[in-house]
Amino acid sequence: MSSQTPRLSRRTLFAGAGTAGALAVAATALPGAKSVAPVSAAANLPKPDKGGGYVLSEHVKRYYKTTLV
């Protein structure tokens, strides 16, 4: 009989790392569950009557600045 030591495969390694990461996130997030305040003032604006709703917010302006070449 041959005695073989079990090898750790990549699939097992990544599955274990993913499980450990998910448990760490859950342990951190669950005890201190708080309500989140709105991120931007644009979310609080009333919706237009005729549809649309695009708002040039600071976030969008910052994104456009990153796309300049």
C-alpha atoms as a PDB file:
ATOM      1  CA  MET A   1       0.000   0.000   0.000  1.00  0.00           C
ATOM      2  CA  SER A   2       1.207   3.430  -0.769  1.00  0.00           C
ATOM      3  CA  SER A   3       0.742   6.235   1.692  1.00  0.00           C
ATOM      4  CA  GLN A   4      -0.078   9.445  -0.079  1.00  0.00           C
ATOM      5  CA  THR A   5      -0.397  12.748   1.672  1.00  0.00           C
ATOM      6  CA  PRO A   6      -3.393  14.753   0.466  1.00  0.00           C
ATOM      7  CA  ARG A   7      -2.392  17.719  -1.671  1.00  0.00           C
ATOM      8  CA  LEU A   8      -3.968  21.107  -1.347  1.00  0.00           C
ATOM      9  CA  SER A   9      -5.475  22.022  -4.706  1.00  0.00           C
ATOM     10  CA  ARG A  10      -6.026  25.558  -5.939  1.00  0.00           C
ATOM     11  CA  ARG A  11      -9.775  25.030  -5.940  1.00  0.00           C
ATOM     12  CA  THR A  12      -9.748  24.073  -2.258  1.00  0.00           C
ATOM     13  CA  LEU A  13      -7.428  26.933  -1.398  1.00  0.00           C
ATOM     14  CA  PHE A  14      -9.586  29.579  -3.114  1.00  0.00           C
ATOM     15  CA  ALA A  15     -12.788  28.127  -1.697  1.00  0.00           C
ATOM     16  CA  GLY A  16     -11.339  28.290   1.804  1.00  0.00           C
ATOM     17  CA  ALA A  17     -10.035  31.823   1.312  1.00  0.00           C
ATOM     18  CA  GLY A  18     -13.399  32.961  -0.048  1.00  0.00           C
ATOM     19  CA  THR A  19     -15.255  31.408   2.839  1.00  0.00           C
ATOM     20  CA  ALA A  20     -12.910  32.971   5.380  1.00  0.00           C
ATOM     21  CA  GLY A  21     -13.267  36.376   3.720  1.00  0.00           C
ATOM     22  CA  ALA A  22     -17.053  36.152   3.662  1.00  0.00           C
ATOM     23  CA  LEU A  23     -17.136  35.182   7.327  1.00  0.00           C
ATOM     24  CA  ALA A  24     -14.840  38.066   8.238  1.00  0.00           C
ATOM     25  CA  VAL A  25     -17.050  40.547   6.403  1.00  0.00           C
ATOM     26  CA  ALA A  26     -20.186  39.139   8.001  1.00  0.00           C
ATOM     27  CA  ALA A  27     -18.657  39.235  11.471  1.00  0.00           C
ATOM     28  CA  THR A  28     -17.642  42.846  10.971  1.00  0.00           C
ATOM     29  CA  ALA A  29     -20.871  44.052   9.399  1.00  0.00           C
ATOM     30  CA  LEU A  30     -23.547  42.323  11.456  1.00  0.00           C
ATOM     31  CA  PRO A  31     -22.930  43.609  14.999  1.00  0.00           C
ATOM     32  CA  GLY A  32     -22.765  47.248  13.954  1.00  0.00           C
ATOM     33  CA  ALA A  33     -25.594  47.388  11.427  1.00  0.00           C
ATOM     34  CA  LYS A  34     -26.495  51.048  11.019  1.00  0.00           C
ATOM     35  CA  SER A  35     -28.623  52.917   8.536  1.00  0.00           C
ATOM     36  CA  VAL A  36     -26.642  54.663   5.820  1.00  0.00           C
ATOM     37  CA  ALA A  37     -27.208  58.357   5.081  1.00  0.00           C
ATOM     38  CA  PRO A  38     -27.751  59.466   1.467  1.00  0.00           C
ATOM     39  CA  VAL A  39     -24.490  59.829  -0.417  1.00  0.00           C
ATOM     40  CA  SER A  40     -25.235  62.895  -2.482  1.00  0.00           C
ATOM     41  CA  ALA A  41     -27.637  65.794  -2.546  1.00  0.00           C
ATOM     42  CA  ALA A  42     -28.647  64.832  -6.096  1.00  0.00           C
ATOM     43  CA  ALA A  43     -30.512  61.824  -4.700  1.00  0.00           C
ATOM     44  CA  ASN A  44     -32.804  64.133  -2.734  1.00  0.00           C
ATOM     45  CA  LEU A  45     -33.875  66.253  -5.713  1.00  0.00           C
ATOM     46  CA  PRO A  46     -37.462  65.852  -6.951  1.00  0.00           C
ATOM     47  CA  LYS A  47     -37.911  63.854 -10.134  1.00  0.00           C
ATOM     48  CA  PRO A  48     -38.750  65.816 -13.292  1.00  0.00           C
ATOM     49  CA  ASP A  49     -42.339  65.728 -14.588  1.00  0.00           C
ATOM     50  CA  LYS A  50     -41.436  64.739 -18.156  1.00  0.00           C
ATOM     51  CA  GLY A  51     -39.036  61.922 -17.383  1.00  0.00           C
ATOM     52  CA  GLY A  52     -35.297  62.128 -17.707  1.00  0.00           C
ATOM     53  CA  GLY A  53     -33.684  62.816 -14.404  1.00  0.00           C
ATOM     54  CA  TYR A  54     -30.025  63.155 -15.403  1.00  0.00           C
ATOM     55  CA  VAL A  55     -28.200  65.371 -12.934  1.00  0.00           C
ATOM     56  CA  LEU A  56     -24.660  66.605 -13.457  1.00  0.00           C
ATOM     57  CA  SER A  57     -23.513  65.924  -9.909  1.00  0.00           C
ATOM     58  CA  GLU A  58     -20.050  66.338  -8.410  1.00  0.00           C
ATOM     59  CA  HIS A  59     -19.486  62.618  -8.773  1.00  0.00           C
ATOM     60  CA  VAL A  60     -20.229  62.777 -12.507  1.00  0.00           C
ATOM     61  CA  LYS A  61     -18.030  65.852 -12.954  1.00  0.00           C
ATOM     62  CA  ARG A  62     -15.174  64.083 -11.171  1.00  0.00           C
ATOM     63  CA  TYR A  63     -15.622  61.066 -13.451  1.00  0.00           C
ATOM     64  CA  TYR A  64     -15.511  63.229 -16.571  1.00  0.00           C
ATOM     65  CA  LYS A  65     -12.260  64.810 -15.360  1.00  0.00           C
ATOM     66  CA  THR A  66     -10.690  61.343 -15.091  1.00  0.00           C
ATOM     67  CA  THR A  67     -11.580  60.534 -18.699  1.00  0.00           C
ATOM     68  CA  LEU A  68      -9.771  63.532 -20.197  1.00  0.00           C
ATOM     69  CA  VAL A  69      -6.739  62.569 -22.246  1.00  0.00           C
END
